[in-house]
Structure formats: C-alpha cells, structure tokens
C-alpha atoms as a PDB file:
ATOM      1  CA  UNK A   1     127.941 180.651 -62.344  1.00  0.00           C
ATOM      2  CA  UNK A   2     128.020 177.597 -65.348  1.00  0.00           C
ATOM      3  CA  UNK A   3     130.399 176.017 -62.782  1.00  0.00           C
ATOM      4  CA  UNK A   4     127.463 175.905 -60.155  1.00  0.00           C
ATOM      5  CA  UNK A   5     125.549 174.283 -62.578  1.00  0.00           C
ATOM      6  CA  UNK A   6     127.235 171.824 -64.234  1.00  0.00           C
ATOM      7  CA  UNK A   7     128.157 170.486 -60.493  1.00  0.00           C
ATOM      8  CA  UNK A   8     124.263 170.476 -60.000  1.00  0.00           C
ATOM      9  CA  UNK A   9     123.790 168.312 -63.185  1.00  0.00           C
ATOM     10  CA  UNK A  10     127.108 166.308 -62.403  1.00  0.00           C
ATOM     11  CA  UNK A  11     125.551 165.540 -58.597  1.00  0.00           C
ATOM     12  CA  UNK A  12     122.112 164.915 -59.800  1.00  0.00           C
ATOM     13  CA  UNK A  13     123.300 162.475 -62.602  1.00  0.00           C
ATOM     14  CA  UNK A  14     125.117 160.870 -59.956  1.00  0.00           C
ATOM     15  CA  UNK A  15     122.245 160.241 -57.343  1.00  0.00           C
ATOM     16  CA  UNK A  16     119.768 159.751 -59.960  1.00  0.00           C
ATOM     17  CA  UNK A  17     122.264 156.728 -60.742  1.00  0.00           C
ATOM     18  CA  UNK A  18     122.936 155.205 -57.510  1.00  0.00           C
ATOM     19  CA  UNK A  19     119.160 155.200 -56.505  1.00  0.00           C
ATOM     20  CA  UNK A  20     118.196 153.019 -59.689  1.00  0.00           C
ATOM     21  CA  UNK A  21     121.231 150.951 -59.358  1.00  0.00           C
ATOM     22  CA  UNK A  22     122.975 151.891 -62.948  1.00  0.00           C
ATOM     23  CA  UNK A  23     126.314 153.047 -61.501  1.00  0.00           C
ATOM     24  CA  UNK A  24     128.207 150.643 -63.819  1.00  0.00           C
ATOM     25  CA  UNK A  25     126.456 151.809 -67.044  1.00  0.00           C
ATOM     26  CA  UNK A  26     127.222 155.351 -66.050  1.00  0.00           C
ATOM     27  CA  UNK A  27     130.999 154.462 -65.607  1.00  0.00           C
ATOM     28  CA  UNK A  28     131.095 152.914 -68.246  1.00  0.00           C
ATOM     29  CA  UNK A  29     129.993 155.562 -69.835  1.00  0.00           C
ATOM     30  CA  UNK A  30     132.628 158.306 -67.902  1.00  0.00           C
ATOM     31  CA  UNK A  31     135.252 156.030 -69.892  1.00  0.00           C
ATOM     32  CA  UNK A  32     133.866 155.605 -73.117  1.00  0.00           C
ATOM     33  CA  UNK A  33     133.241 159.017 -73.610  1.00  0.00           C
ATOM     34  CA  UNK A  34     136.520 160.047 -72.381  1.00  0.00           C
ATOM     35  CA  UNK A  35     138.354 158.253 -74.945  1.00  0.00           C
ATOM     36  CA  UNK A  36     135.970 159.148 -77.540  1.00  0.00           C
ATOM     37  CA  UNK A  37     136.704 162.956 -76.388  1.00  0.00           C
ATOM     38  CA  UNK A  38     140.283 162.476 -77.041  1.00  0.00           C
ATOM     39  CA  UNK A  39     140.052 160.564 -80.419  1.00  0.00           C
ATOM     40  CA  UNK A  40     137.435 163.278 -81.823  1.00  0.00           C
ATOM     41  CA  UNK A  41     139.833 166.452 -80.290  1.00  0.00           C
ATOM     42  CA  UNK A  42     143.173 164.872 -82.008  1.00  0.00           C
ATOM     43  CA  UNK A  43     141.164 164.087 -85.378  1.00  0.00           C
ATOM     44  CA  UNK A  44     139.995 168.118 -84.807  1.00  0.00           C
ATOM     45  CA  UNK A  45     143.393 168.856 -84.342  1.00  0.00           C
ATOM     46  CA  UNK A  46     144.043 167.873 -87.832  1.00  0.00           C
ATOM     47  CA  UNK A  47     141.359 169.403 -89.390  1.00  0.00           C
ATOM     48  CA  UNK A  48     141.903 173.181 -87.844  1.00  0.00           C
ATOM     49  CA  UNK A  49     145.498 172.724 -88.154  1.00  0.00           C
ATOM     50  CA  UNK A  50     144.984 172.587 -91.989  1.00  0.00           C
ATOM     51  CA  UNK A  51     141.890 175.234 -92.050  1.00  0.00           C
ATOM     52  CA  UNK A  52     143.708 177.262 -89.949  1.00  0.00           C
ATOM     53  CA  UNK A  53     147.308 176.955 -92.059  1.00  0.00           C
ATOM     54  CA  UNK A  54     145.005 178.189 -95.339  1.00  0.00           C
ATOM     55  CA  UNK A  55     143.546 180.856 -93.498  1.00  0.00           C
ATOM     56  CA  UNK A  56     146.962 182.072 -92.834  1.00  0.00           C
ATOM     57  CA  UNK A  57     147.556 181.666 -96.968  1.00  0.00           C
ATOM     58  CA  UNK A  58     144.751 183.310 -97.682  1.00  0.00           C
ATOM     59  CA  UNK A  59     145.710 186.054 -95.322  1.00  0.00           C
ATOM     60  CA  UNK A  60     149.143 186.608 -96.672  1.00  0.00           C
ATOM     61  CA  UNK A  61     147.778 186.620-100.297  1.00  0.00           C
ATOM     62  CA  UNK A  62     145.553 189.369 -98.940  1.00  0.00           C
ATOM     63  CA  UNK A  63     141.950 187.438 -99.450  1.00  0.00           C
ATOM     64  CA  UNK A  64     141.428 187.751 -96.180  1.00  0.00           C
ATOM     65  CA  UNK A  65     141.589 191.871 -96.362  1.00  0.00           C
ATOM     66  CA  UNK A  66     139.468 191.863 -99.567  1.00  0.00           C
ATOM     67  CA  UNK A  67     136.600 189.634 -97.832  1.00  0.00           C
ATOM     68  CA  UNK A  68     137.142 191.944 -95.090  1.00  0.00           C
ATOM     69  CA  UNK A  69     136.831 195.308 -97.481  1.00  0.00           C
ATOM     70  CA  UNK A  70     133.575 193.529 -99.001  1.00  0.00           C
ATOM     71  CA  UNK A  71     132.239 193.366 -95.781  1.00  0.00           C
ATOM     72  CA  UNK A  72     132.986 196.598 -94.190  1.00  0.00           C
ATOM     73  CA  UNK A  73     129.714 198.277 -96.199  1.00  0.00           C
ATOM     74  CA  UNK A  74     127.932 195.817 -94.789  1.00  0.00           C
ATOM     75  CA  UNK A  75     129.192 196.098 -91.127  1.00  0.00           C
ATOM     76  CA  UNK A  76     128.924 199.783 -91.565  1.00  0.00           C
ATOM     77  CA  UNK A  77     125.324 199.189 -90.984  1.00  0.00           C
ATOM     78  CA  UNK A  78     125.404 196.983 -88.853  1.00  0.00           C
ATOM     79  CA  UNK A  79     127.936 199.175 -86.489  1.00  0.00           C
ATOM     80  CA  UNK A  80     126.961 202.537 -86.947  1.00  0.00           C
ATOM     81  CA  UNK A  81     127.828 203.545 -83.692  1.00  0.00           C
ATOM     82  CA  UNK A  82     131.600 202.516 -84.156  1.00  0.00           C
ATOM     83  CA  UNK A  83     133.980 205.082 -85.676  1.00  0.00           C
ATOM     84  CA  UNK A  84     135.062 204.188 -89.667  1.00  0.00           C
ATOM     85  CA  UNK A  85     139.115 203.832 -88.659  1.00  0.00           C
ATOM     86  CA  UNK A  86     138.063 202.862 -85.072  1.00  0.00           C
ATOM     87  CA  UNK A  87     140.683 199.147 -84.303  1.00  0.00           C
ATOM     88  CA  UNK A  88     137.414 197.800 -82.938  1.00  0.00           C
ATOM     89  CA  UNK A  89     136.001 197.970 -86.809  1.00  0.00           C
ATOM     90  CA  UNK A  90     139.123 195.841 -87.728  1.00  0.00           C
ATOM     91  CA  UNK A  91     138.557 193.255 -85.483  1.00  0.00           C
ATOM     92  CA  UNK A  92     134.475 192.929 -85.654  1.00  0.00           C
ATOM     93  CA  UNK A  93     135.581 192.394 -89.660  1.00  0.00           C
ATOM     94  CA  UNK A  94     138.587 189.804 -88.822  1.00  0.00           C
ATOM     95  CA  UNK A  95     136.005 187.987 -86.364  1.00  0.00           C
ATOM     96  CA  UNK A  96     133.268 187.628 -89.111  1.00  0.00           C
ATOM     97  CA  UNK A  97     135.403 186.888 -91.663  1.00  0.00           C
ATOM     98  CA  UNK A  98     136.296 183.598 -89.314  1.00  0.00           C
ATOM     99  CA  UNK A  99     133.050 182.876 -88.592  1.00  0.00           C
ATOM    100  CA  UNK A 100     132.672 182.502 -92.206  1.00  0.00           C
ATOM    101  CA  UNK A 101     134.694 179.879 -92.626  1.00  0.00           C
ATOM    102  CA  UNK A 102     133.681 178.075 -89.490  1.00  0.00           C
ATOM    103  CA  UNK A 103     136.748 178.553 -87.846  1.00  0.00           C
ATOM    104  CA  UNK A 104     135.422 180.027 -84.439  1.00  0.00           C
ATOM    105  CA  UNK A 105     138.462 179.074 -82.150  1.00  0.00           C
ATOM    106  CA  UNK A 106     140.444 181.582 -84.840  1.00  0.00           C
ATOM    107  CA  UNK A 107     137.391 184.336 -84.162  1.00  0.00           C
ATOM    108  CA  UNK A 108     137.201 184.135 -80.466  1.00  0.00           C
ATOM    109  CA  UNK A 109     140.017 185.733 -80.197  1.00  0.00           C
ATOM    110  CA  UNK A 110     139.473 188.404 -82.493  1.00  0.00           C
ATOM    111  CA  UNK A 111     135.861 188.554 -80.745  1.00  0.00           C
ATOM    112  CA  UNK A 112     137.453 189.329 -77.736  1.00  0.00           C
ATOM    113  CA  UNK A 113     139.926 191.716 -78.771  1.00  0.00           C
ATOM    114  CA  UNK A 114     136.948 193.935 -80.505  1.00  0.00           C
ATOM    115  CA  UNK A 115     135.124 193.603 -77.095  1.00  0.00           C
ATOM    116  CA  UNK A 116     137.776 195.602 -75.490  1.00  0.00           C
ATOM    117  CA  UNK A 117     138.083 198.146 -77.661  1.00  0.00           C
ATOM    118  CA  UNK A 118     134.102 198.514 -77.650  1.00  0.00           C
ATOM    119  CA  UNK A 119     134.387 198.492 -73.923  1.00  0.00           C
ATOM    120  CA  UNK A 120     137.100 201.552 -74.666  1.00  0.00           C
ATOM    121  CA  UNK A 121     134.634 203.161 -76.911  1.00  0.00           C
ATOM    122  CA  UNK A 122     131.640 203.137 -74.079  1.00  0.00           C
ATOM    123  CA  UNK A 123     134.150 204.646 -72.056  1.00  0.00           C
ATOM    124  CA  UNK A 124     134.772 201.297 -70.012  1.00  0.00           C
ATOM    125  CA  UNK A 125     131.420 201.186 -68.573  1.00  0.00           C
ATOM    126  CA  UNK A 126     130.678 197.251 -67.477  1.00  0.00           C
ATOM    127  CA  UNK A 127     127.266 197.663 -68.967  1.00  0.00           C
ATOM    128  CA  UNK A 128     127.123 196.575 -72.572  1.00  0.00           C
ATOM    129  CA  UNK A 129     126.711 199.691 -75.726  1.00  0.00           C
ATOM    130  CA  UNK A 130     125.003 198.495 -78.506  1.00  0.00           C
ATOM    131  CA  UNK A 131     127.716 197.718 -81.067  1.00  0.00           C
ATOM    132  CA  UNK A 132     128.933 194.791 -77.987  1.00  0.00           C
ATOM    133  CA  UNK A 133     125.120 193.183 -77.916  1.00  0.00           C
ATOM    134  CA  UNK A 134     125.372 192.995 -81.740  1.00  0.00           C
ATOM    135  CA  UNK A 135     128.579 191.603 -82.204  1.00  0.00           C
ATOM    136  CA  UNK A 136     127.543 189.155 -79.567  1.00  0.00           C
ATOM    137  CA  UNK A 137     124.468 188.734 -81.396  1.00  0.00           C
ATOM    138  CA  UNK A 138     126.531 188.102 -84.694  1.00  0.00           C
ATOM    139  CA  UNK A 139     129.441 185.811 -83.168  1.00  0.00           C
ATOM    140  CA  UNK A 140     126.506 183.839 -81.696  1.00  0.00           C
ATOM    141  CA  UNK A 141     125.045 183.245 -85.033  1.00  0.00           C
ATOM    142  CA  UNK A 142     126.929 184.404 -88.214  1.00  0.00           C
ATOM    143  CA  UNK A 143     126.361 183.262 -91.893  1.00  0.00           C
ATOM    144  CA  UNK A 144     128.689 180.223 -92.104  1.00  0.00           C
ATOM    145  CA  UNK A 145     130.183 179.157 -95.532  1.00  0.00           C
ATOM    146  CA  UNK A 146     132.293 176.225 -94.636  1.00  0.00           C
ATOM    147  CA  UNK A 147     131.608 173.973 -91.262  1.00  0.00           C
ATOM    148  CA  UNK A 148     134.838 173.598 -90.694  1.00  0.00           C
ATOM    149  CA  UNK A 149     134.958 171.982 -87.045  1.00  0.00           C
ATOM    150  CA  UNK A 150     131.504 170.157 -88.353  1.00  0.00           C
ATOM    151  CA  UNK A 151     132.845 168.556 -91.266  1.00  0.00           C
ATOM    152  CA  UNK A 152     136.504 167.855 -89.385  1.00  0.00           C
ATOM    153  CA  UNK A 153     133.552 165.492 -86.342  1.00  0.00           C
ATOM    154  CA  UNK A 154     131.436 163.943 -89.886  1.00  0.00           C
ATOM    155  CA  UNK A 155     135.230 162.851 -90.807  1.00  0.00           C
ATOM    156  CA  UNK A 156     136.598 160.949 -87.375  1.00  0.00           C
ATOM    157  CA  UNK A 157     133.429 159.374 -87.405  1.00  0.00           C
ATOM    158  CA  UNK A 158     134.215 157.896 -90.785  1.00  0.00           C
ATOM    159  CA  UNK A 159     131.196 159.975 -92.029  1.00  0.00           C
ATOM    160  CA  UNK A 160     130.886 158.338 -96.527  1.00  0.00           C
ATOM    161  CA  UNK A 161     129.970 162.435 -97.380  1.00  0.00           C
ATOM    162  CA  UNK A 162     131.277 164.972 -94.489  1.00  0.00           C
ATOM    163  CA  UNK A 163     130.747 167.929 -96.782  1.00  0.00           C
ATOM    164  CA  UNK A 164     127.249 167.273 -97.670  1.00  0.00           C
ATOM    165  CA  UNK A 165     126.300 169.572 -95.053  1.00  0.00           C
ATOM    166  CA  UNK A 166     127.786 173.111 -96.531  1.00  0.00           C
ATOM    167  CA  UNK A 167     124.652 173.867 -98.437  1.00  0.00           C
ATOM    168  CA  UNK A 168     121.956 173.143 -95.245  1.00  0.00           C
ATOM    169  CA  UNK A 169     124.242 175.026 -93.439  1.00  0.00           C
ATOM    170  CA  UNK A 170     124.827 178.055 -95.401  1.00  0.00           C
ATOM    171  CA  UNK A 171     121.158 178.347 -95.323  1.00  0.00           C
ATOM    172  CA  UNK A 172     120.308 177.483 -91.961  1.00  0.00           C
ATOM    173  CA  UNK A 173     123.328 180.163 -90.805  1.00  0.00           C
ATOM    174  CA  UNK A 174     122.131 182.483 -93.093  1.00  0.00           C
ATOM    175  CA  UNK A 175     118.630 182.403 -91.429  1.00  0.00           C
ATOM    176  CA  UNK A 176     120.373 182.664 -87.584  1.00  0.00           C
ATOM    177  CA  UNK A 177     122.053 185.737 -88.765  1.00  0.00           C
ATOM    178  CA  UNK A 178     119.131 187.151 -90.387  1.00  0.00           C
ATOM    179  CA  UNK A 179     116.975 186.670 -87.375  1.00  0.00           C
ATOM    180  CA  UNK A 180     119.738 187.614 -84.564  1.00  0.00           C
ATOM    181  CA  UNK A 181     119.992 190.825 -86.318  1.00  0.00           C
ATOM    182  CA  UNK A 182     116.257 191.494 -86.870  1.00  0.00           C
ATOM    183  CA  UNK A 183     115.781 190.672 -82.948  1.00  0.00           C
ATOM    184  CA  UNK A 184     119.096 193.026 -81.894  1.00  0.00           C
ATOM    185  CA  UNK A 185     117.391 195.705 -83.957  1.00  0.00           C
ATOM    186  CA  UNK A 186     113.977 195.193 -82.544  1.00  0.00           C
ATOM    187  CA  UNK A 187     115.161 195.616 -78.906  1.00  0.00           C
ATOM    188  CA  UNK A 188     117.158 198.674 -79.766  1.00  0.00           C
ATOM    189  CA  UNK A 189     114.376 200.510 -81.418  1.00  0.00           C
ATOM    190  CA  UNK A 190     112.325 199.473 -77.963  1.00  0.00           C
ATOM    191  CA  UNK A 191     114.859 200.967 -75.905  1.00  0.00           C
ATOM    192  CA  UNK A 192     114.909 203.929 -78.024  1.00  0.00           C
ATOM    193  CA  UNK A 193     111.387 204.435 -77.407  1.00  0.00           C
ATOM    194  CA  UNK A 194     111.493 204.250 -74.237  1.00  0.00           C
ATOM    195  CA  UNK A 195     114.190 207.021 -74.190  1.00  0.00           C
ATOM    196  CA  UNK A 196     117.120 204.329 -73.119  1.00  0.00           C
ATOM    197  CA  UNK A 197     119.631 204.887 -75.876  1.00  0.00           C
ATOM    198  CA  UNK A 198     122.739 203.787 -74.861  1.00  0.00           C
END
C-alpha cells in the first residue's frame, strides 16, 4: 500500500510539473536531493557508528542491564499481560533502552523480536494483542534522552550548537510517551467496557 501511495505522489508531482512547465526545476531538485541524501547518510553513518559503539561499551559494562532493571518495574505496569520471565520482556526492555538513547535503528531489530515473541504469546494469531499495541505505541512515541539521529543531522549541516535540542526533545518525547500510554489505556478500557477484552 505504501508503494502505491508513493507512486501516486510521484506521478501527480510529475504531471503537475509538466503542466506548469517546471520540469527543469524538478530535475534539478531530484539531483540536488540525491546529492544531499548521500552526504547526510555518510554523516549519519559516522555518528551512529560512534553512538552504537558507546552503547556496546555500555552493554559490556553492564549499564544497559542496570537501566533495564531500573525500567523493569515500569515495564511490568505498562505490559501487565506479559509474564515476568518471558523472552518478550527482555526484547521490550532492550527496545525501550535503545529508544531512550535515540538509537531508533538499533531499537528496530529488538522491537521486531519483541513482536515475534508477543505473537507467539498471543497463540500465533494475526490480530494484535494488547501488549503488541502498547509496544507499537511506545516504540513510536518513547522518551528520548539523547536524540542521536537529529544531532548527527544537525552536525552534518554545520549547526553551531547541534545538542541544544536535547532539553526540548526530552520534554516533547516525554509528553508524546505519556500521551501514547493514555490513549492506549483509553482504547483498552473502552474495549473492556464493550466486553471485547483480548
């Protein structure tokens, strides 16, 4: 479906440019955008490699396990349907920890593994269970202490203070996380009221 949406947007843009006689600008924009994309990607690779390396050091030093233990009581309340020693809880905690450090790329494989485990816990059903919905909401809107990717993009554009967004990111992501949990709980409560608990 996403491919269809992108294809329609591309076709509409090209037709609009052809009608308005701005195909030269579109062509120039395509090549300029491609050049900038490569530059940004190379900049992101270096910064993400640095942060992933730091995260690996933190993992080997036991800091991530400590943070996971610290987050465990919160995760138990947010995911009450997941058994305490189930492998899904470990992946959920790893996903949340990576998101806290702004490492969305590192969080994605853990989120996928957590979803696989939660699907097994749900009896292999295709319908999303309560913990799966909650994980998706939290993965989309999780508290971020260090917005690594955004900092690296600002650095690649020669920002004078690439880290000045940290405090506002903490506030914004914290509000987003609280909002996601409240909305998740509201729809769960509404479903329970209708006698559709799953």
